[in-house]
Structure formats: structure tokens, C-alpha cells
Amino acid sequence: EKARRLAETSPVDQVFVDGDDIAER
């Protein structure tokens, strides 16, 4: 839910939900 809000309210290009495979994704 915080990742979605960040994507909506900031100029970031892409937001990922963190997890063990974050580097690979």
C-alpha cells in the first residue's frame, strides 16, 4: 500500500515491493 502511494505521489519512475528476490526483479 505504501509502494502504491509512493508511485502516485512522487516523481519516481518505478516502485518495487521489497522481498528476498528484490535484486533479481
mmCIF file of all heavy atoms, coordinates in Angstrom:
data_MODEL
# 
_entry.id   MODEL 
# 
loop_
_atom_site.group_PDB 
_atom_site.id 
_atom_site.type_symbol 
_atom_site.label_atom_id 
_atom_site.label_alt_id 
_atom_site.label_comp_id 
_atom_site.label_asym_id 
_atom_site.label_entity_id 
_atom_site.label_seq_id 
_atom_site.pdbx_PDB_ins_code 
_atom_site.Cartn_x 
_atom_site.Cartn_y 
_atom_site.Cartn_z 
_atom_site.occupancy 
_atom_site.B_iso_or_equiv 
_atom_site.pdbx_formal_charge 
_atom_site.auth_seq_id 
_atom_site.auth_comp_id 
_atom_site.auth_asym_id 
_atom_site.auth_atom_id 
_atom_site.pdbx_PDB_model_num 
ATOM 1   N N   . GLU A 1 1  ? 0.827  -1.205  0.000   1.00 0.00 ? 1  GLU A N   1 
ATOM 2   C CA  . GLU A 1 1  ? 0.000  0.000   0.000   1.00 0.00 ? 1  GLU A CA  1 
ATOM 3   C C   . GLU A 1 1  ? 0.865  1.261   0.000   1.00 0.00 ? 1  GLU A C   1 
ATOM 4   O O   . GLU A 1 1  ? 0.506  2.278   -0.617  1.00 0.00 ? 1  GLU A O   1 
ATOM 5   C CB  . GLU A 1 1  ? -0.965 0.005   1.194   1.00 0.00 ? 1  GLU A CB  1 
ATOM 6   C CG  . GLU A 1 1  ? -0.331 0.140   2.563   1.00 0.00 ? 1  GLU A CG  1 
ATOM 7   C CD  . GLU A 1 1  ? 0.181  -1.168  3.147   1.00 0.00 ? 1  GLU A CD  1 
ATOM 8   O OE1 . GLU A 1 1  ? 0.236  -2.185  2.408   1.00 0.00 ? 1  GLU A OE1 1 
ATOM 9   O OE2 . GLU A 1 1  ? 0.528  -1.179  4.345   1.00 0.00 ? 1  GLU A OE2 1 
ATOM 10  N N   . LYS A 1 2  ? 2.015  1.207   0.672   1.00 0.00 ? 2  LYS A N   1 
ATOM 11  C CA  . LYS A 1 2  ? 2.911  2.359   0.679   1.00 0.00 ? 2  LYS A CA  1 
ATOM 12  C C   . LYS A 1 2  ? 3.617  2.485   -0.667  1.00 0.00 ? 2  LYS A C   1 
ATOM 13  O O   . LYS A 1 2  ? 3.872  3.603   -1.142  1.00 0.00 ? 2  LYS A O   1 
ATOM 14  C CB  . LYS A 1 2  ? 3.912  2.240   1.824   1.00 0.00 ? 2  LYS A CB  1 
ATOM 15  C CG  . LYS A 1 2  ? 3.259  2.315   3.199   1.00 0.00 ? 2  LYS A CG  1 
ATOM 16  C CD  . LYS A 1 2  ? 4.246  2.118   4.331   1.00 0.00 ? 2  LYS A CD  1 
ATOM 17  C CE  . LYS A 1 2  ? 5.079  3.359   4.575   1.00 0.00 ? 2  LYS A CE  1 
ATOM 18  N NZ  . LYS A 1 2  ? 5.893  3.258   5.819   1.00 0.00 ? 2  LYS A NZ  1 
ATOM 19  N N   . ALA A 1 3  ? 3.942  1.358   -1.295  1.00 0.00 ? 3  ALA A N   1 
ATOM 20  C CA  . ALA A 1 3  ? 4.550  1.393   -2.624  1.00 0.00 ? 3  ALA A CA  1 
ATOM 21  C C   . ALA A 1 3  ? 3.607  2.055   -3.621  1.00 0.00 ? 3  ALA A C   1 
ATOM 22  O O   . ALA A 1 3  ? 4.026  2.864   -4.466  1.00 0.00 ? 3  ALA A O   1 
ATOM 23  C CB  . ALA A 1 3  ? 4.903  -0.019  -3.074  1.00 0.00 ? 3  ALA A CB  1 
ATOM 24  N N   . ARG A 1 4  ? 2.314  1.722   -3.529  1.00 0.00 ? 4  ARG A N   1 
ATOM 25  C CA  . ARG A 1 4  ? 1.335  2.338   -4.436  1.00 0.00 ? 4  ARG A CA  1 
ATOM 26  C C   . ARG A 1 4  ? 1.250  3.848   -4.212  1.00 0.00 ? 4  ARG A C   1 
ATOM 27  O O   . ARG A 1 4  ? 1.198  4.625   -5.175  1.00 0.00 ? 4  ARG A O   1 
ATOM 28  C CB  . ARG A 1 4  ? -0.034 1.691   -4.241  1.00 0.00 ? 4  ARG A CB  1 
ATOM 29  C CG  . ARG A 1 4  ? -0.146 0.290   -4.803  1.00 0.00 ? 4  ARG A CG  1 
ATOM 30  C CD  . ARG A 1 4  ? -1.590 -0.178  -4.833  1.00 0.00 ? 4  ARG A CD  1 
ATOM 31  N NE  . ARG A 1 4  ? -2.140 -0.320  -3.486  1.00 0.00 ? 4  ARG A NE  1 
ATOM 32  C CZ  . ARG A 1 4  ? -2.071 -1.445  -2.778  1.00 0.00 ? 4  ARG A CZ  1 
ATOM 33  N NH1 . ARG A 1 4  ? -1.468 -2.517  -3.282  1.00 0.00 ? 4  ARG A NH1 1 
ATOM 34  N NH2 . ARG A 1 4  ? -2.604 -1.506  -1.573  1.00 0.00 ? 4  ARG A NH2 1 
ATOM 35  N N   . ARG A 1 5  ? 1.242  4.263   -2.948  1.00 0.00 ? 5  ARG A N   1 
ATOM 36  C CA  . ARG A 1 5  ? 1.148  5.700   -2.673  1.00 0.00 ? 5  ARG A CA  1 
ATOM 37  C C   . ARG A 1 5  ? 2.389  6.435   -3.167  1.00 0.00 ? 5  ARG A C   1 
ATOM 38  O O   . ARG A 1 5  ? 2.278  7.533   -3.722  1.00 0.00 ? 5  ARG A O   1 
ATOM 39  C CB  . ARG A 1 5  ? 0.956  5.942   -1.183  1.00 0.00 ? 5  ARG A CB  1 
ATOM 40  C CG  . ARG A 1 5  ? 0.855  7.424   -0.847  1.00 0.00 ? 5  ARG A CG  1 
ATOM 41  C CD  . ARG A 1 5  ? 0.333  7.680   0.526   1.00 0.00 ? 5  ARG A CD  1 
ATOM 42  N NE  . ARG A 1 5  ? 0.377  9.108   0.826   1.00 0.00 ? 5  ARG A NE  1 
ATOM 43  C CZ  . ARG A 1 5  ? -0.039 9.656   1.944   1.00 0.00 ? 5  ARG A CZ  1 
ATOM 44  N NH1 . ARG A 1 5  ? -0.571 8.901   2.891   1.00 0.00 ? 5  ARG A NH1 1 
ATOM 45  N NH2 . ARG A 1 5  ? 0.043  10.950  2.145   1.00 0.00 ? 5  ARG A NH2 1 
ATOM 46  N N   . LEU A 1 6  ? 3.561  5.823   -2.995  1.00 0.00 ? 6  LEU A N   1 
ATOM 47  C CA  . LEU A 1 6  ? 4.784  6.458   -3.484  1.00 0.00 ? 6  LEU A CA  1 
ATOM 48  C C   . LEU A 1 6  ? 4.729  6.641   -4.997  1.00 0.00 ? 6  LEU A C   1 
ATOM 49  O O   . LEU A 1 6  ? 5.093  7.699   -5.523  1.00 0.00 ? 6  LEU A O   1 
ATOM 50  C CB  . LEU A 1 6  ? 6.007  5.619   -3.100  1.00 0.00 ? 6  LEU A CB  1 
ATOM 51  C CG  . LEU A 1 6  ? 7.359  6.186   -3.535  1.00 0.00 ? 6  LEU A CG  1 
ATOM 52  C CD1 . LEU A 1 6  ? 7.674  7.479   -2.797  1.00 0.00 ? 6  LEU A CD1 1 
ATOM 53  C CD2 . LEU A 1 6  ? 8.477  5.162   -3.314  1.00 0.00 ? 6  LEU A CD2 1 
ATOM 54  N N   . ALA A 1 7  ? 4.270  5.613   -5.704  1.00 0.00 ? 7  ALA A N   1 
ATOM 55  C CA  . ALA A 1 7  ? 4.177  5.700   -7.166  1.00 0.00 ? 7  ALA A CA  1 
ATOM 56  C C   . ALA A 1 7  ? 3.225  6.802   -7.600  1.00 0.00 ? 7  ALA A C   1 
ATOM 57  O O   . ALA A 1 7  ? 3.423  7.438   -8.640  1.00 0.00 ? 7  ALA A O   1 
ATOM 58  C CB  . ALA A 1 7  ? 3.740  4.355   -7.731  1.00 0.00 ? 7  ALA A CB  1 
ATOM 59  N N   . GLU A 1 8  ? 2.196  7.060   -6.789  1.00 0.00 ? 8  GLU A N   1 
ATOM 60  C CA  . GLU A 1 8  ? 1.196  8.060   -7.139  1.00 0.00 ? 8  GLU A CA  1 
ATOM 61  C C   . GLU A 1 8  ? 1.598  9.487   -6.788  1.00 0.00 ? 8  GLU A C   1 
ATOM 62  O O   . GLU A 1 8  ? 1.141  10.442  -7.420  1.00 0.00 ? 8  GLU A O   1 
ATOM 63  C CB  . GLU A 1 8  ? -0.124 7.731   -6.427  1.00 0.00 ? 8  GLU A CB  1 
ATOM 64  C CG  . GLU A 1 8  ? -0.781 6.439   -6.905  1.00 0.00 ? 8  GLU A CG  1 
ATOM 65  C CD  . GLU A 1 8  ? -1.900 5.978   -5.981  1.00 0.00 ? 8  GLU A CD  1 
ATOM 66  O OE1 . GLU A 1 8  ? -2.121 6.627   -4.925  1.00 0.00 ? 8  GLU A OE1 1 
ATOM 67  O OE2 . GLU A 1 8  ? -2.539 4.971   -6.310  1.00 0.00 ? 8  GLU A OE2 1 
ATOM 68  N N   . THR A 1 9  ? 2.460  9.642   -5.779  1.00 0.00 ? 9  THR A N   1 
ATOM 69  C CA  . THR A 1 9  ? 2.713  10.978  -5.227  1.00 0.00 ? 9  THR A CA  1 
ATOM 70  C C   . THR A 1 9  ? 4.125  11.495  -5.442  1.00 0.00 ? 9  THR A C   1 
ATOM 71  O O   . THR A 1 9  ? 4.419  12.639  -5.079  1.00 0.00 ? 9  THR A O   1 
ATOM 72  C CB  . THR A 1 9  ? 2.418  10.995  -3.721  1.00 0.00 ? 9  THR A CB  1 
ATOM 73  O OG1 . THR A 1 9  ? 3.264  10.034  -3.054  1.00 0.00 ? 9  THR A OG1 1 
ATOM 74  C CG2 . THR A 1 9  ? 0.962  10.652  -3.446  1.00 0.00 ? 9  THR A CG2 1 
ATOM 75  N N   . SER A 1 10 ? 5.013  10.704  -6.005  1.00 0.00 ? 10 SER A N   1 
ATOM 76  C CA  . SER A 1 10 ? 6.388  11.154  -6.204  1.00 0.00 ? 10 SER A CA  1 
ATOM 77  C C   . SER A 1 10 ? 6.780  11.013  -7.665  1.00 0.00 ? 10 SER A C   1 
ATOM 78  O O   . SER A 1 10 ? 6.100  10.317  -8.431  1.00 0.00 ? 10 SER A O   1 
ATOM 79  C CB  . SER A 1 10 ? 7.349  10.340  -5.325  1.00 0.00 ? 10 SER A CB  1 
ATOM 80  O OG  . SER A 1 10 ? 7.685  9.105   -5.954  1.00 0.00 ? 10 SER A OG  1 
ATOM 81  N N   . PRO A 1 11 ? 7.903  11.626  -8.063  1.00 0.00 ? 11 PRO A N   1 
ATOM 82  C CA  . PRO A 1 11 ? 8.338  11.535  -9.462  1.00 0.00 ? 11 PRO A CA  1 
ATOM 83  C C   . PRO A 1 11 ? 9.109  10.260  -9.793  1.00 0.00 ? 11 PRO A C   1 
ATOM 84  O O   . PRO A 1 11 ? 9.697  10.156  -10.868 1.00 0.00 ? 11 PRO A O   1 
ATOM 85  C CB  . PRO A 1 11 ? 9.241  12.764  -9.615  1.00 0.00 ? 11 PRO A CB  1 
ATOM 86  C CG  . PRO A 1 11 ? 9.819  12.978  -8.257  1.00 0.00 ? 11 PRO A CG  1 
ATOM 87  C CD  . PRO A 1 11 ? 8.734  12.591  -7.293  1.00 0.00 ? 11 PRO A CD  1 
ATOM 88  N N   . VAL A 1 12 ? 9.119  9.284   -8.895  1.00 0.00 ? 12 VAL A N   1 
ATOM 89  C CA  . VAL A 1 12 ? 9.858  8.046   -9.111  1.00 0.00 ? 12 VAL A CA  1 
ATOM 90  C C   . VAL A 1 12 ? 9.387  7.359   -10.395 1.00 0.00 ? 12 VAL A C   1 
ATOM 91  O O   . VAL A 1 12 ? 8.213  7.429   -10.768 1.00 0.00 ? 12 VAL A O   1 
ATOM 92  C CB  . VAL A 1 12 ? 9.707  7.117   -7.885  1.00 0.00 ? 12 VAL A CB  1 
ATOM 93  C CG1 . VAL A 1 12 ? 8.277  6.591   -7.770  1.00 0.00 ? 12 VAL A CG1 1 
ATOM 94  C CG2 . VAL A 1 12 ? 10.704 5.984   -7.907  1.00 0.00 ? 12 VAL A CG2 1 
ATOM 95  N N   . ASP A 1 13 ? 10.310 6.695   -11.081 1.00 0.00 ? 13 ASP A N   1 
ATOM 96  C CA  . ASP A 1 13 ? 9.967  6.029   -12.338 1.00 0.00 ? 13 ASP A CA  1 
ATOM 97  C C   . ASP A 1 13 ? 9.282  4.684   -12.129 1.00 0.00 ? 13 ASP A C   1 
ATOM 98  O O   . ASP A 1 13 ? 8.425  4.291   -12.921 1.00 0.00 ? 13 ASP A O   1 
ATOM 99  C CB  . ASP A 1 13 ? 11.234 5.838   -13.174 1.00 0.00 ? 13 ASP A CB  1 
ATOM 100 C CG  . ASP A 1 13 ? 11.800 7.164   -13.647 1.00 0.00 ? 13 ASP A CG  1 
ATOM 101 O OD1 . ASP A 1 13 ? 11.177 7.797   -14.513 1.00 0.00 ? 13 ASP A OD1 1 
ATOM 102 O OD2 . ASP A 1 13 ? 12.850 7.586   -13.125 1.00 0.00 ? 13 ASP A OD2 1 
ATOM 103 N N   . GLN A 1 14 ? 9.671  3.957   -11.070 1.00 0.00 ? 14 GLN A N   1 
ATOM 104 C CA  . GLN A 1 14 ? 9.083  2.653   -10.813 1.00 0.00 ? 14 GLN A CA  1 
ATOM 105 C C   . GLN A 1 14 ? 9.294  2.303   -9.347  1.00 0.00 ? 14 GLN A C   1 
ATOM 106 O O   . GLN A 1 14 ? 10.321 2.655   -8.752  1.00 0.00 ? 14 GLN A O   1 
ATOM 107 C CB  . GLN A 1 14 ? 9.718  1.580   -11.707 1.00 0.00 ? 14 GLN A CB  1 
ATOM 108 C CG  . GLN A 1 14 ? 8.993  0.245   -11.703 1.00 0.00 ? 14 GLN A CG  1 
ATOM 109 C CD  . GLN A 1 14 ? 9.529  -0.704  -12.765 1.00 0.00 ? 14 GLN A CD  1 
ATOM 110 O OE1 . GLN A 1 14 ? 10.415 -0.345  -13.531 1.00 0.00 ? 14 GLN A OE1 1 
ATOM 111 N NE2 . GLN A 1 14 ? 8.992  -1.906  -12.809 1.00 0.00 ? 14 GLN A NE2 1 
ATOM 112 N N   . VAL A 1 15 ? 8.313  1.606   -8.760  1.00 0.00 ? 15 VAL A N   1 
ATOM 113 C CA  . VAL A 1 15 ? 8.398  1.191   -7.359  1.00 0.00 ? 15 VAL A CA  1 
ATOM 114 C C   . VAL A 1 15 ? 8.215  -0.316  -7.275  1.00 0.00 ? 15 VAL A C   1 
ATOM 115 O O   . VAL A 1 15 ? 7.287  -0.873  -7.882  1.00 0.00 ? 15 VAL A O   1 
ATOM 116 C CB  . VAL A 1 15 ? 7.345  1.896   -6.481  1.00 0.00 ? 15 VAL A CB  1 
ATOM 117 C CG1 . VAL A 1 15 ? 7.536  1.504   -5.017  1.00 0.00 ? 15 VAL A CG1 1 
ATOM 118 C CG2 . VAL A 1 15 ? 7.420  3.405   -6.648  1.00 0.00 ? 15 VAL A CG2 1 
ATOM 119 N N   . PHE A 1 16 ? 9.082  -0.981  -6.515  1.00 0.00 ? 16 PHE A N   1 
ATOM 120 C CA  . PHE A 1 16 ? 9.018  -2.418  -6.293  1.00 0.00 ? 16 PHE A CA  1 
ATOM 121 C C   . PHE A 1 16 ? 8.678  -2.691  -4.838  1.00 0.00 ? 16 PHE A C   1 
ATOM 122 O O   . PHE A 1 16 ? 9.161  -1.999  -3.943  1.00 0.00 ? 16 PHE A O   1 
ATOM 123 C CB  . PHE A 1 16 ? 10.365 -3.080  -6.602  1.00 0.00 ? 16 PHE A CB  1 
ATOM 124 C CG  . PHE A 1 16 ? 10.800 -2.998  -8.035  1.00 0.00 ? 16 PHE A CG  1 
ATOM 125 C CD1 . PHE A 1 16 ? 11.481 -1.879  -8.501  1.00 0.00 ? 16 PHE A CD1 1 
ATOM 126 C CD2 . PHE A 1 16 ? 10.532 -4.039  -8.917  1.00 0.00 ? 16 PHE A CD2 1 
ATOM 127 C CE1 . PHE A 1 16 ? 11.890 -1.803  -9.826  1.00 0.00 ? 16 PHE A CE1 1 
ATOM 128 C CE2 . PHE A 1 16 ? 10.941 -3.963  -10.246 1.00 0.00 ? 16 PHE A CE2 1 
ATOM 129 C CZ  . PHE A 1 16 ? 11.618 -2.832  -10.701 1.00 0.00 ? 16 PHE A CZ  1 
ATOM 130 N N   . VAL A 1 17 ? 7.870  -3.715  -4.600  1.00 0.00 ? 17 VAL A N   1 
ATOM 131 C CA  . VAL A 1 17 ? 7.649  -4.180  -3.236  1.00 0.00 ? 17 VAL A CA  1 
ATOM 132 C C   . VAL A 1 17 ? 8.836  -5.036  -2.839  1.00 0.00 ? 17 VAL A C   1 
ATOM 133 O O   . VAL A 1 17 ? 9.209  -5.972  -3.556  1.00 0.00 ? 17 VAL A O   1 
ATOM 134 C CB  . VAL A 1 17 ? 6.342  -4.980  -3.127  1.00 0.00 ? 17 VAL A CB  1 
ATOM 135 C CG1 . VAL A 1 17 ? 6.166  -5.529  -1.708  1.00 0.00 ? 17 VAL A CG1 1 
ATOM 136 C CG2 . VAL A 1 17 ? 5.155  -4.100  -3.506  1.00 0.00 ? 17 VAL A CG2 1 
ATOM 137 N N   . ASP A 1 18 ? 9.446  -4.709  -1.724  1.00 0.00 ? 18 ASP A N   1 
ATOM 138 C CA  . ASP A 1 18 ? 10.673 -5.372  -1.303  1.00 0.00 ? 18 ASP A CA  1 
ATOM 139 C C   . ASP A 1 18 ? 10.426 -6.845  -0.992  1.00 0.00 ? 18 ASP A C   1 
ATOM 140 O O   . ASP A 1 18 ? 9.304  -7.251  -0.661  1.00 0.00 ? 18 ASP A O   1 
ATOM 141 C CB  . ASP A 1 18 ? 11.250 -4.678  -0.065  1.00 0.00 ? 18 ASP A CB  1 
ATOM 142 C CG  . ASP A 1 18 ? 12.765 -4.610  -0.098  1.00 0.00 ? 18 ASP A CG  1 
ATOM 143 O OD1 . ASP A 1 18 ? 13.384 -5.513  -0.689  1.00 0.00 ? 18 ASP A OD1 1 
ATOM 144 O OD2 . ASP A 1 18 ? 13.325 -3.653  0.461   1.00 0.00 ? 18 ASP A OD2 1 
ATOM 145 N N   . GLY A 1 19 ? 11.479 -7.643  -1.113  1.00 0.00 ? 19 GLY A N   1 
ATOM 146 C CA  . GLY A 1 19 ? 11.409 -9.066  -0.816  1.00 0.00 ? 19 GLY A CA  1 
ATOM 147 C C   . GLY A 1 19 ? 12.757 -9.709  -1.040  1.00 0.00 ? 19 GLY A C   1 
ATOM 148 O O   . GLY A 1 19 ? 13.724 -9.052  -1.456  1.00 0.00 ? 19 GLY A O   1 
ATOM 149 N N   . ASP A 1 20 ? 12.846 -11.005 -0.760  1.00 0.00 ? 20 ASP A N   1 
ATOM 150 C CA  . ASP A 1 20 ? 14.130 -11.706 -0.867  1.00 0.00 ? 20 ASP A CA  1 
ATOM 151 C C   . ASP A 1 20 ? 14.698 -11.677 -2.276  1.00 0.00 ? 20 ASP A C   1 
ATOM 152 O O   . ASP A 1 20 ? 15.921 -11.733 -2.460  1.00 0.00 ? 20 ASP A O   1 
ATOM 153 C CB  . ASP A 1 20 ? 13.976 -13.161 -0.411  1.00 0.00 ? 20 ASP A CB  1 
ATOM 154 C CG  . ASP A 1 20 ? 13.674 -13.287 1.074   1.00 0.00 ? 20 ASP A CG  1 
ATOM 155 O OD1 . ASP A 1 20 ? 13.945 -12.316 1.810   1.00 0.00 ? 20 ASP A OD1 1 
ATOM 156 O OD2 . ASP A 1 20 ? 13.156 -14.343 1.487   1.00 0.00 ? 20 ASP A OD2 1 
ATOM 157 N N   . ASP A 1 21 ? 13.831 -11.594 -3.290  1.00 0.00 ? 21 ASP A N   1 
ATOM 158 C CA  . ASP A 1 21 ? 14.282 -11.631 -4.682  1.00 0.00 ? 21 ASP A CA  1 
ATOM 159 C C   . ASP A 1 21 ? 14.326 -10.240 -5.305  1.00 0.00 ? 21 ASP A C   1 
ATOM 160 O O   . ASP A 1 21 ? 14.299 -10.106 -6.533  1.00 0.00 ? 21 ASP A O   1 
ATOM 161 C CB  . ASP A 1 21 ? 13.379 -12.536 -5.511  1.00 0.00 ? 21 ASP A CB  1 
ATOM 162 C CG  . ASP A 1 21 ? 11.932 -12.037 -5.557  1.00 0.00 ? 21 ASP A CG  1 
ATOM 163 O OD1 . ASP A 1 21 ? 11.559 -11.197 -4.700  1.00 0.00 ? 21 ASP A OD1 1 
ATOM 164 O OD2 . ASP A 1 21 ? 11.178 -12.483 -6.442  1.00 0.00 ? 21 ASP A OD2 1 
ATOM 165 N N   . ILE A 1 22 ? 14.414 -9.200  -4.480  1.00 0.00 ? 22 ILE A N   1 
ATOM 166 C CA  . ILE A 1 22 ? 14.316 -7.834  -4.997  1.00 0.00 ? 22 ILE A CA  1 
ATOM 167 C C   . ILE A 1 22 ? 15.404 -7.526  -6.012  1.00 0.00 ? 22 ILE A C   1 
ATOM 168 O O   . ILE A 1 22 ? 15.153 -6.886  -7.033  1.00 0.00 ? 22 ILE A O   1 
ATOM 169 C CB  . ILE A 1 22 ? 14.324 -6.793  -3.854  1.00 0.00 ? 22 ILE A CB  1 
ATOM 170 C CG1 . ILE A 1 22 ? 14.065 -5.386  -4.384  1.00 0.00 ? 22 ILE A CG1 1 
ATOM 171 C CG2 . ILE A 1 22 ? 15.623 -6.859  -3.051  1.00 0.00 ? 22 ILE A CG2 1 
ATOM 172 C CD1 . ILE A 1 22 ? 12.728 -5.199  -5.016  1.00 0.00 ? 22 ILE A CD1 1 
ATOM 173 N N   . ALA A 1 23 ? 16.636 -7.970  -5.782  1.00 0.00 ? 23 ALA A N   1 
ATOM 174 C CA  . ALA A 1 23 ? 17.728 -7.666  -6.712  1.00 0.00 ? 23 ALA A CA  1 
ATOM 175 C C   . ALA A 1 23 ? 17.456 -8.262  -8.084  1.00 0.00 ? 23 ALA A C   1 
ATOM 176 O O   . ALA A 1 23 ? 17.656 -7.599  -9.116  1.00 0.00 ? 23 ALA A O   1 
ATOM 177 C CB  . ALA A 1 23 ? 19.054 -8.187  -6.159  1.00 0.00 ? 23 ALA A CB  1 
ATOM 178 N N   . GLU A 1 24 ? 16.959 -9.489  -8.099  1.00 0.00 ? 24 GLU A N   1 
ATOM 179 C CA  . GLU A 1 24 ? 16.693 -10.159 -9.368  1.00 0.00 ? 24 GLU A CA  1 
ATOM 180 C C   . GLU A 1 24 ? 15.554 -9.469  -10.121 1.00 0.00 ? 24 GLU A C   1 
ATOM 181 O O   . GLU A 1 24 ? 15.615 -9.302  -11.349 1.00 0.00 ? 24 GLU A O   1 
ATOM 182 C CB  . GLU A 1 24 ? 16.358 -11.633 -9.114  1.00 0.00 ? 24 GLU A CB  1 
ATOM 183 C CG  . GLU A 1 24 ? 17.542 -12.476 -8.622  1.00 0.00 ? 24 GLU A CG  1 
ATOM 184 C CD  . GLU A 1 24 ? 17.983 -12.166 -7.199  1.00 0.00 ? 24 GLU A CD  1 
ATOM 185 O OE1 . GLU A 1 24 ? 17.128 -11.707 -6.395  1.00 0.00 ? 24 GLU A OE1 1 
ATOM 186 O OE2 . GLU A 1 24 ? 19.179 -12.367 -6.876  1.00 0.00 ? 24 GLU A OE2 1 
ATOM 187 N N   . ARG A 1 25 ? 14.502 -9.059  -9.411  1.00 0.00 ? 25 ARG A N   1 
ATOM 188 C CA  . ARG A 1 25 ? 13.382 -8.385  -10.065 1.00 0.00 ? 25 ARG A CA  1 
ATOM 189 C C   . ARG A 1 25 ? 13.785 -7.012  -10.607 1.00 0.00 ? 25 ARG A C   1 
ATOM 190 O O   . ARG A 1 25 ? 13.378 -6.624  -11.707 1.00 0.00 ? 25 ARG A O   1 
ATOM 191 C CB  . ARG A 1 25 ? 12.210 -8.260  -9.086  1.00 0.00 ? 25 ARG A CB  1 
ATOM 192 C CG  . ARG A 1 25 ? 11.487 -9.579  -8.875  1.00 0.00 ? 25 ARG A CG  1 
ATOM 193 C CD  . ARG A 1 25 ? 10.220 -9.399  -8.051  1.00 0.00 ? 25 ARG A CD  1 
ATOM 194 N NE  . ARG A 1 25 ? 10.515 -9.214  -6.639  1.00 0.00 ? 25 ARG A NE  1 
ATOM 195 C CZ  . ARG A 1 25 ? 10.130 -8.178  -5.904  1.00 0.00 ? 25 ARG A CZ  1 
ATOM 196 N NH1 . ARG A 1 25 ? 9.450  -7.187  -6.461  1.00 0.00 ? 25 ARG A NH1 1 
ATOM 197 N NH2 . ARG A 1 25 ? 10.418 -8.110  -4.621  1.00 0.00 ? 25 ARG A NH2 1 
# 
